[in-house]
Amino acid sequence: MSKNYFKYSEFDSPDIPDSGRNMQPSFLRMLNHARQIAGIPFRINSGFRSKEHNEKVGGTENSSHLRGHAADIHVSSSTHRYEILSALLQAGFNRIGIAETFIHVDNDPIKTQKVIWTYA
């Protein structure tokens, strides 16, 4: 068994303590694998979200964060963005959103697969 590179608390919705445990195990396994590949820390900006917190941050009504299938990973440079993106793809993720300061990644099975989008 591989080492876990995360704590559930990284994924907590700020308004619900210990809610990081609502993350989907399949998502956490894939993200853990990506962290191993990258060999650098992934700082999670947003993991599981309550409906209220999702509305507060402007998340979509059908956000994958609400079901524990998504995380937003902080990025601080173009090199960091490349390393994280490369590792996510190698780990098998195929739903990725790229912003200036974060990368959204999810493995939501009810959404369109093999997509990469940008945030304005």
C-alpha atoms as a PDB file:
ATOM      1  CA  MET A   1       0.000   0.000   0.000  1.00  0.00           C
ATOM      2  CA  SER A   2       1.301   3.422  -0.908  1.00  0.00           C
ATOM      3  CA  LYS A   3       1.855   6.181   1.592  1.00  0.00           C
ATOM      4  CA  ASN A   4      -0.995   8.675   1.979  1.00  0.00           C
ATOM      5  CA  TYR A   5       0.048  12.210   1.177  1.00  0.00           C
ATOM      6  CA  PHE A   6      -3.060  13.844   2.607  1.00  0.00           C
ATOM      7  CA  LYS A   7      -5.091  14.423   5.737  1.00  0.00           C
ATOM      8  CA  TYR A   8      -8.885  14.494   5.556  1.00  0.00           C
ATOM      9  CA  SER A   9      -8.836  17.916   7.207  1.00  0.00           C
ATOM     10  CA  GLU A  10      -7.227  19.370   4.035  1.00  0.00           C
ATOM     11  CA  PHE A  11     -10.556  18.757   2.311  1.00  0.00           C
ATOM     12  CA  ASP A  12     -12.925  20.120   4.995  1.00  0.00           C
ATOM     13  CA  SER A  13     -15.621  22.588   4.016  1.00  0.00           C
ATOM     14  CA  PRO A  14     -14.811  25.593   6.252  1.00  0.00           C
ATOM     15  CA  ASP A  15     -18.319  25.549   7.738  1.00  0.00           C
ATOM     16  CA  ILE A  16     -18.410  21.816   8.626  1.00  0.00           C
ATOM     17  CA  PRO A  17     -15.564  20.371  10.723  1.00  0.00           C
ATOM     18  CA  ASP A  18     -14.382  16.892   9.685  1.00  0.00           C
ATOM     19  CA  SER A  19     -16.353  17.095   6.414  1.00  0.00           C
ATOM     20  CA  GLY A  20     -13.232  16.106   4.453  1.00  0.00           C
ATOM     21  CA  ARG A  21     -14.238  12.547   5.257  1.00  0.00           C
ATOM     22  CA  ASN A  22     -17.023  13.015   2.683  1.00  0.00           C
ATOM     23  CA  MET A  23     -14.434  12.899  -0.096  1.00  0.00           C
ATOM     24  CA  GLN A  24     -14.821   9.966  -2.468  1.00  0.00           C
ATOM     25  CA  PRO A  25     -12.177   7.263  -1.878  1.00  0.00           C
ATOM     26  CA  SER A  26     -11.596   6.881  -5.638  1.00  0.00           C
ATOM     27  CA  PHE A  27     -10.790  10.594  -5.899  1.00  0.00           C
ATOM     28  CA  LEU A  28      -8.415  10.508  -2.936  1.00  0.00           C
ATOM     29  CA  ARG A  29      -6.580   7.467  -4.332  1.00  0.00           C
ATOM     30  CA  MET A  30      -6.045   9.204  -7.666  1.00  0.00           C
ATOM     31  CA  LEU A  31      -4.959  12.467  -6.031  1.00  0.00           C
ATOM     32  CA  ASN A  32      -2.599  10.606  -3.728  1.00  0.00           C
ATOM     33  CA  HIS A  33      -1.073   8.919  -6.769  1.00  0.00           C
ATOM     34  CA  ALA A  34      -0.655  12.302  -8.495  1.00  0.00           C
ATOM     35  CA  ARG A  35       1.103  13.679  -5.414  1.00  0.00           C
ATOM     36  CA  GLN A  36       3.493  10.729  -5.475  1.00  0.00           C
ATOM     37  CA  ILE A  37       4.234  11.310  -9.168  1.00  0.00           C
ATOM     38  CA  ALA A  38       4.770  15.050  -8.729  1.00  0.00           C
ATOM     39  CA  GLY A  39       6.950  14.695  -5.655  1.00  0.00           C
ATOM     40  CA  ILE A  40       5.867  18.165  -4.482  1.00  0.00           C
ATOM     41  CA  PRO A  41       3.267  19.272  -1.950  1.00  0.00           C
ATOM     42  CA  PHE A  42      -0.267  19.940  -3.179  1.00  0.00           C
ATOM     43  CA  ARG A  43      -1.957  22.636  -1.091  1.00  0.00           C
ATOM     44  CA  ILE A  44      -5.719  22.175  -1.257  1.00  0.00           C
ATOM     45  CA  ASN A  45      -7.704  25.425  -1.526  1.00  0.00           C
ATOM     46  CA  SER A  46     -11.078  23.689  -1.658  1.00  0.00           C
ATOM     47  CA  GLY A  47     -12.201  20.085  -1.311  1.00  0.00           C
ATOM     48  CA  PHE A  48     -15.594  19.006  -0.050  1.00  0.00           C
ATOM     49  CA  ARG A  49     -18.116  21.855   0.059  1.00  0.00           C
ATOM     50  CA  SER A  50     -21.400  22.193   1.858  1.00  0.00           C
ATOM     51  CA  LYS A  51     -24.203  23.606  -0.274  1.00  0.00           C
ATOM     52  CA  GLU A  52     -23.986  26.863   1.679  1.00  0.00           C
ATOM     53  CA  HIS A  53     -20.223  27.218   1.256  1.00  0.00           C
ATOM     54  CA  ASN A  54     -20.470  26.322  -2.428  1.00  0.00           C
ATOM     55  CA  GLU A  55     -22.993  29.149  -2.931  1.00  0.00           C
ATOM     56  CA  LYS A  56     -20.794  31.555  -0.938  1.00  0.00           C
ATOM     57  CA  VAL A  57     -17.764  30.920  -3.183  1.00  0.00           C
ATOM     58  CA  GLY A  58     -19.799  31.056  -6.397  1.00  0.00           C
ATOM     59  CA  GLY A  59     -19.610  27.346  -7.194  1.00  0.00           C
ATOM     60  CA  THR A  60     -21.946  25.856  -9.759  1.00  0.00           C
ATOM     61  CA  GLU A  61     -25.209  24.298  -8.611  1.00  0.00           C
ATOM     62  CA  ASN A  62     -24.002  20.868  -9.756  1.00  0.00           C
ATOM     63  CA  SER A  63     -20.440  21.247  -8.421  1.00  0.00           C
ATOM     64  CA  SER A  64     -18.399  18.073  -8.065  1.00  0.00           C
ATOM     65  CA  HIS A  65     -17.159  19.517  -4.746  1.00  0.00           C
ATOM     66  CA  LEU A  66     -20.635  18.869  -3.295  1.00  0.00           C
ATOM     67  CA  ARG A  67     -20.202  15.128  -3.840  1.00  0.00           C
ATOM     68  CA  GLY A  68     -16.550  14.841  -2.805  1.00  0.00           C
ATOM     69  CA  HIS A  69     -15.250  14.243  -6.314  1.00  0.00           C
ATOM     70  CA  ALA A  70     -13.188  17.459  -6.650  1.00  0.00           C
ATOM     71  CA  ALA A  71     -10.437  19.637  -5.256  1.00  0.00           C
ATOM     72  CA  ASP A  72      -8.841  22.952  -6.133  1.00  0.00           C
ATOM     73  CA  ILE A  73      -5.053  22.847  -5.803  1.00  0.00           C
ATOM     74  CA  HIS A  74      -3.092  26.036  -5.149  1.00  0.00           C
ATOM     75  CA  VAL A  75      -0.439  26.964  -7.728  1.00  0.00           C
ATOM     76  CA  SER A  76       2.213  29.624  -7.225  1.00  0.00           C
ATOM     77  CA  SER A  77       4.134  29.604 -10.521  1.00  0.00           C
ATOM     78  CA  SER A  78       3.986  28.355 -14.089  1.00  0.00           C
ATOM     79  CA  THR A  79       6.560  25.662 -13.227  1.00  0.00           C
ATOM     80  CA  HIS A  80       4.454  24.513 -10.288  1.00  0.00           C
ATOM     81  CA  ARG A  81       1.351  24.525 -12.521  1.00  0.00           C
ATOM     82  CA  TYR A  82       3.135  22.350 -15.092  1.00  0.00           C
ATOM     83  CA  GLU A  83       4.373  19.841 -12.487  1.00  0.00           C
ATOM     84  CA  ILE A  84       0.922  19.465 -10.944  1.00  0.00           C
ATOM     85  CA  LEU A  85      -0.883  19.278 -14.282  1.00  0.00           C
ATOM     86  CA  SER A  86       1.548  16.680 -15.610  1.00  0.00           C
ATOM     87  CA  ALA A  87       1.131  14.522 -12.492  1.00  0.00           C
ATOM     88  CA  LEU A  88      -2.674  14.792 -12.583  1.00  0.00           C
ATOM     89  CA  LEU A  89      -2.762  13.605 -16.194  1.00  0.00           C
ATOM     90  CA  GLN A  90      -0.355  10.744 -15.474  1.00  0.00           C
ATOM     91  CA  ALA A  91      -2.531   9.686 -12.516  1.00  0.00           C
ATOM     92  CA  GLY A  92      -5.517   9.372 -14.854  1.00  0.00           C
ATOM     93  CA  PHE A  93      -7.494  12.563 -14.240  1.00  0.00           C
ATOM     94  CA  ASN A  94      -9.288  13.842 -17.326  1.00  0.00           C
ATOM     95  CA  ARG A  95     -11.434  16.674 -15.913  1.00  0.00           C
ATOM     96  CA  ILE A  96      -9.223  19.681 -15.190  1.00  0.00           C
ATOM     97  CA  GLY A  97      -9.835  23.412 -14.887  1.00  0.00           C
ATOM     98  CA  ILE A  98      -6.889  25.811 -14.983  1.00  0.00           C
ATOM     99  CA  ALA A  99      -6.894  29.213 -13.295  1.00  0.00           C
ATOM    100  CA  GLU A 100      -4.156  31.687 -12.482  1.00  0.00           C
ATOM    101  CA  THR A 101      -3.857  30.621  -8.835  1.00  0.00           C
ATOM    102  CA  PHE A 102      -5.322  27.109  -8.761  1.00  0.00           C
ATOM    103  CA  ILE A 103      -6.037  23.932 -10.694  1.00  0.00           C
ATOM    104  CA  HIS A 104      -9.444  22.319 -10.309  1.00  0.00           C
ATOM    105  CA  VAL A 105      -9.409  18.551 -10.689  1.00  0.00           C
ATOM    106  CA  ASP A 106     -12.230  16.063 -10.419  1.00  0.00           C
ATOM    107  CA  ASN A 107     -13.184  12.529 -11.351  1.00  0.00           C
ATOM    108  CA  ASP A 108     -16.940  13.027 -11.294  1.00  0.00           C
ATOM    109  CA  PRO A 109     -18.432  10.071 -13.182  1.00  0.00           C
ATOM    110  CA  ILE A 110     -21.663  11.908 -14.073  1.00  0.00           C
ATOM    111  CA  LYS A 111     -19.900  14.705 -15.946  1.00  0.00           C
ATOM    112  CA  THR A 112     -18.354  14.927 -19.410  1.00  0.00           C
ATOM    113  CA  GLN A 113     -14.944  13.255 -19.511  1.00  0.00           C
ATOM    114  CA  LYS A 114     -11.698  14.270 -21.255  1.00  0.00           C
ATOM    115  CA  VAL A 115     -12.096  18.032 -20.798  1.00  0.00           C
ATOM    116  CA  ILE A 116      -9.750  20.824 -19.779  1.00  0.00           C
ATOM    117  CA  TRP A 117     -11.098  24.333 -19.297  1.00  0.00           C
ATOM    118  CA  THR A 118      -9.831  27.705 -18.156  1.00  0.00           C
ATOM    119  CA  TYR A 119     -11.284  30.276 -15.771  1.00  0.00           C
ATOM    120  CA  ALA A 120     -11.507  33.914 -16.852  1.00  0.00           C
END
